[in-house]
Protein backbone atom coordinates (compact mmCIF):
# COMPACT_ATOMS: atom_id res chain seq x y z
CA GLN A 1 -44.99 43.39 0.98
CA GLY A 2 -45.67 41.10 -1.92
CA PHE A 3 -49.02 39.83 -0.81
CA ILE A 4 -52.03 39.09 -2.91
CA CYS A 5 -55.55 40.04 -2.01
CA GLU A 6 -58.78 38.37 -3.30
CA GLY A 7 -62.25 38.43 -1.94
CA SER A 8 -65.75 36.79 -2.67
CA PRO A 9 -69.25 37.75 -1.76
CA GLY A 10 -70.36 34.57 -3.53
CA LYS A 11 -70.61 33.39 -7.12
CA GLY A 12 -74.12 33.31 -8.61
CA GLN A 13 -75.59 34.03 -5.21
CA PHE A 14 -74.45 35.57 -2.03
CA ALA A 15 -72.13 33.47 0.05
CA ALA A 16 -73.18 32.32 3.55
CA VAL A 17 -69.82 33.65 4.67
CA PRO A 18 -68.23 36.30 2.40
CA TRP A 19 -64.43 36.53 2.74
CA LEU A 20 -61.49 38.64 1.97
CA ALA A 21 -58.14 36.73 1.88
CA ILE A 22 -54.46 37.81 1.92
CA PHE A 23 -52.11 35.28 0.27
CA ASP A 24 -48.31 35.03 0.45
CA PRO A 25 -47.32 33.71 -3.09
CA LEU A 26 -44.65 31.63 -1.44
CA VAL A 27 -47.56 29.63 0.11
CA THR A 28 -50.54 29.92 -2.01
CA THR A 29 -52.26 32.11 -4.56
CA THR A 30 -55.78 30.67 -3.93
CA ALA A 31 -58.10 30.08 -1.00
CA ARG A 32 -58.52 26.44 -2.21
CA ARG A 33 -55.13 25.25 -0.76
CA GLY A 34 -52.33 26.12 1.58
CA TYR A 35 -52.85 28.58 4.48
CA TYR A 36 -53.60 32.18 4.51
CA VAL A 37 -55.04 35.34 6.30
CA VAL A 38 -58.62 35.91 5.82
CA PHE A 39 -61.46 38.13 7.00
CA LEU A 40 -64.64 36.10 7.43
CA TYR A 41 -68.14 37.72 7.84
CA SER A 42 -70.11 35.56 10.23
CA ALA A 43 -73.82 35.19 9.52
CA LEU A 44 -74.32 35.83 13.20
CA GLY A 45 -72.79 39.32 12.88
CA PRO A 46 -69.17 39.40 14.12
CA LEU A 47 -66.28 39.72 11.75
CA TYR A 48 -63.29 37.50 12.25
CA LEU A 49 -59.53 37.97 11.19
CA SER A 50 -58.28 34.49 10.84
CA LEU A 51 -55.12 32.55 10.02
CA ASN A 52 -56.96 29.77 8.18
CA GLN A 53 -56.58 27.06 5.50
CA GLY A 54 -57.65 26.16 2.11
CA ALA A 55 -60.19 23.28 2.40
CA THR A 56 -61.01 22.36 -1.22
CA ALA A 57 -57.59 20.53 -1.79
CA VAL A 58 -58.14 18.89 1.72
CA ARG A 59 -61.52 17.60 0.72
CA THR A 60 -60.40 16.20 -2.55
CA GLU A 61 -57.76 14.01 -0.68
CA PHE A 62 -59.39 13.25 2.58
CA ARG A 63 -63.14 13.56 1.94
CA SER A 64 -65.03 12.64 5.12
CA GLU A 65 -61.93 12.97 7.14
CA THR A 66 -61.54 16.64 6.19
CA PRO A 67 -62.80 18.18 9.61
CA ARG A 68 -60.20 16.13 11.46
CA VAL A 69 -57.38 16.86 9.13
CA LEU A 70 -58.18 20.62 9.26
CA ALA A 71 -58.42 20.65 12.96
CA GLU A 72 -54.96 18.73 13.32
CA ARG A 73 -53.31 21.16 11.00
CA ALA A 74 -54.81 24.14 12.80
CA ALA A 75 -53.41 22.76 16.20
CA LEU A 76 -50.04 22.30 14.56
CA MET A 77 -50.16 25.93 13.38
CA ARG A 78 -51.10 27.21 16.84
CA ALA A 79 -48.30 25.18 18.46
CA ARG A 80 -45.90 26.70 16.16
CA LEU A 81 -47.21 30.14 16.76
CA SER A 82 -47.50 30.04 20.58
CA ASP A 83 -45.75 33.45 20.92
CA PHE A 84 -48.87 35.03 19.19
CA ASP A 85 -51.18 33.54 21.75
CA GLU A 86 -52.03 36.84 23.61
CA LEU A 87 -51.96 39.05 20.52
CA LEU A 88 -54.35 36.78 18.39
CA PRO A 89 -56.38 35.10 21.10
CA ILE A 90 -59.43 33.76 19.28
CA ARG A 91 -59.26 29.99 18.95
CA ASP A 92 -62.74 29.20 17.81
CA LEU A 93 -65.00 30.73 15.14
CA ASP A 94 -68.77 30.56 15.02
CA LEU A 95 -69.73 31.45 11.54
CA GLY A 96 -73.45 30.73 12.04
CA SER A 97 -73.98 28.41 9.02
CA PRO A 98 -74.42 24.67 8.64
CA GLN A 99 -72.99 24.67 5.16
CA VAL A 100 -69.82 22.72 4.45
CA LEU A 101 -67.55 25.50 3.53
CA PRO A 102 -68.15 27.71 6.70
CA ARG A 103 -67.73 24.47 8.75
CA ASP A 104 -64.42 23.96 7.10
CA TYR A 105 -63.46 27.47 7.82
CA GLU A 106 -64.20 26.85 11.48
CA ASN A 107 -62.10 23.70 11.58
CA GLY A 108 -59.21 25.23 9.72
CA HIS A 109 -59.01 28.36 11.97
CA ALA A 110 -55.79 28.57 13.90
CA ILE A 111 -55.46 31.95 15.49
CA GLY A 112 -57.05 35.44 15.05
CA CYS A 113 -59.26 38.23 16.34
CA MET A 114 -62.99 38.93 16.53
CA TYR A 115 -64.71 42.25 16.04
CA ARG A 116 -68.32 41.98 17.59
CA SER A 117 -69.62 45.27 15.92
CA ALA A 118 -68.51 48.20 13.82
CA SER A 119 -67.65 50.15 16.89
CA ASP A 120 -65.01 47.62 17.83
CA ILE A 121 -63.17 48.31 14.39
CA THR A 122 -60.96 51.41 14.56
CA GLU A 123 -58.38 52.07 11.87
CA ASP A 124 -55.57 51.81 14.38
CA LYS A 125 -56.92 48.57 15.78
CA LEU A 126 -57.40 46.93 12.42
CA ALA A 127 -53.93 48.06 11.16
CA SER A 128 -52.38 46.63 14.35
CA ASP A 129 -54.19 43.30 14.16
CA LEU A 130 -53.44 43.00 10.51
CA SER A 131 -49.82 43.73 10.93
CA THR A 132 -49.58 41.14 13.73
CA ILE A 133 -51.38 38.33 11.90
CA LEU A 134 -49.26 38.88 8.80
CA ARG A 135 -46.14 38.58 10.91
CA ALA A 136 -47.56 35.31 12.27
CA TYR A 137 -48.26 34.14 8.69
CA ARG A 138 -44.71 34.77 7.72
CA ALA A 139 -43.40 33.27 10.95
CA LEU A 140 -45.37 30.07 10.30
CA THR A 141 -43.81 29.70 6.95
CA PHE A 142 -40.38 29.99 8.41
CA ARG A 143 -41.18 27.58 11.18
CA GLY A 144 -42.21 24.76 9.03
CA ALA A 145 -45.69 25.58 7.91
CA LEU A 146 -48.00 22.51 7.85
CA ASP A 147 -45.18 19.95 7.70
CA ALA A 148 -45.55 17.79 10.66
CA THR A 149 -41.95 16.30 10.37
CA PRO A 150 -40.00 17.01 13.67
CA GLU A 151 -37.32 19.55 13.00
CA ALA A 152 -34.93 18.69 15.80
CA ASN A 153 -31.79 16.77 15.01
CA LEU A 154 -32.51 16.64 11.31
CA ARG A 155 -30.01 15.63 8.62
CA LEU A 156 -31.18 17.29 5.48
CA GLU A 157 -30.58 15.71 2.07
CA GLU A 158 -29.59 17.87 -0.80
CA ASP A 159 -29.07 16.50 -4.23
CA ASP A 160 -28.23 13.02 -2.68
CA VAL A 161 -25.49 14.49 -0.50
CA ALA A 162 -25.95 14.43 3.27
CA VAL A 163 -25.69 17.79 4.95
CA ALA A 164 -24.30 17.88 8.42
CA PRO A 165 -26.81 18.12 11.43
CA MET A 166 -28.17 21.55 11.81
CA SER A 167 -29.77 23.79 14.61
CA LEU A 168 -33.42 24.29 14.50
CA THR A 169 -32.93 27.72 13.19
CA GLU A 170 -30.64 26.58 10.46
CA VAL A 171 -32.95 23.95 9.35
CA ARG A 172 -35.79 26.60 9.20
CA ARG A 173 -33.71 28.91 7.25
CA TYR A 174 -32.57 26.22 4.86
CA ARG A 175 -36.17 25.02 4.18
CA PHE A 176 -37.41 28.66 3.80
CA ASN A 177 -34.68 29.49 1.23
CA ARG A 178 -35.55 26.33 -0.61
CA ARG A 179 -39.21 27.20 -0.63
CA ILE A 180 -38.34 30.56 -2.30
CA GLU A 181 -35.91 29.02 -4.81
CA ARG A 182 -38.53 26.47 -5.97
CA ASN A 183 -41.52 28.79 -6.17
CA GLY A 184 -42.36 29.84 -9.65
CA ASN A 185 -44.62 32.66 -8.48
CA ALA A 186 -41.75 34.18 -6.39
CA SER A 187 -39.39 34.04 -9.41
CA ALA A 188 -41.90 35.81 -11.76
CA MET A 189 -42.80 38.46 -9.21
CA ALA A 190 -39.00 39.18 -8.65
CA LYS A 191 -38.40 39.55 -12.31
CA LEU A 192 -41.48 41.74 -12.65
CA ALA A 193 -40.27 44.10 -9.92
CA HIS A 194 -36.60 44.10 -10.60
CA GLY A 195 -36.27 43.37 -14.37
CA LEU A 196 -34.17 40.77 -16.20
CA LYS A 197 -30.79 42.46 -15.72
CA CYS A 198 -28.43 41.30 -13.01
CA GLN A 199 -28.12 43.86 -10.34
CA ILE A 200 -24.40 42.83 -9.64
CA CYS A 201 -22.91 42.84 -13.20
CA GLU A 202 -25.70 44.30 -15.09
């Protein structure tokens, strides 16, 4: 599927909230920025599957306003993924830690699932939930990601040439294609997977 996985139990010492993240290279390749899917192990016991955000870059830019910014972006993510409400119903995390990073995870959480104990986690349930949240992840990218700019009645500008007004779906397709075209990671991965020979003319 082209996703990248990375986890951390902590560096130097065990983390208050260990995590295992799944990144779409079109969005991010690090837990420090962008948005991604992540398993978070609460200090209180439950395991959460969360569509969350990288807080490090937000903290660098917004400092003390970080909780508000993360919460506002999480609300935008939920609004764009309202069709996943019943499938990914958890809206709040309780990671059981007063530390800054776990609190940022709580504020950055948009949608997800919770598993209270090992008995809640079956292979089929986990596979189903993971498939659902990855569909939501891709849908969010297509639907405008974290860009709060209204999409209705837009006139897009491309190379200083005005493009005729587009429907919402057309705007989303256009932005999604431009995101792929401008993403160096996507280009590198495509060359690695398919080689450097043109598939049309060889």
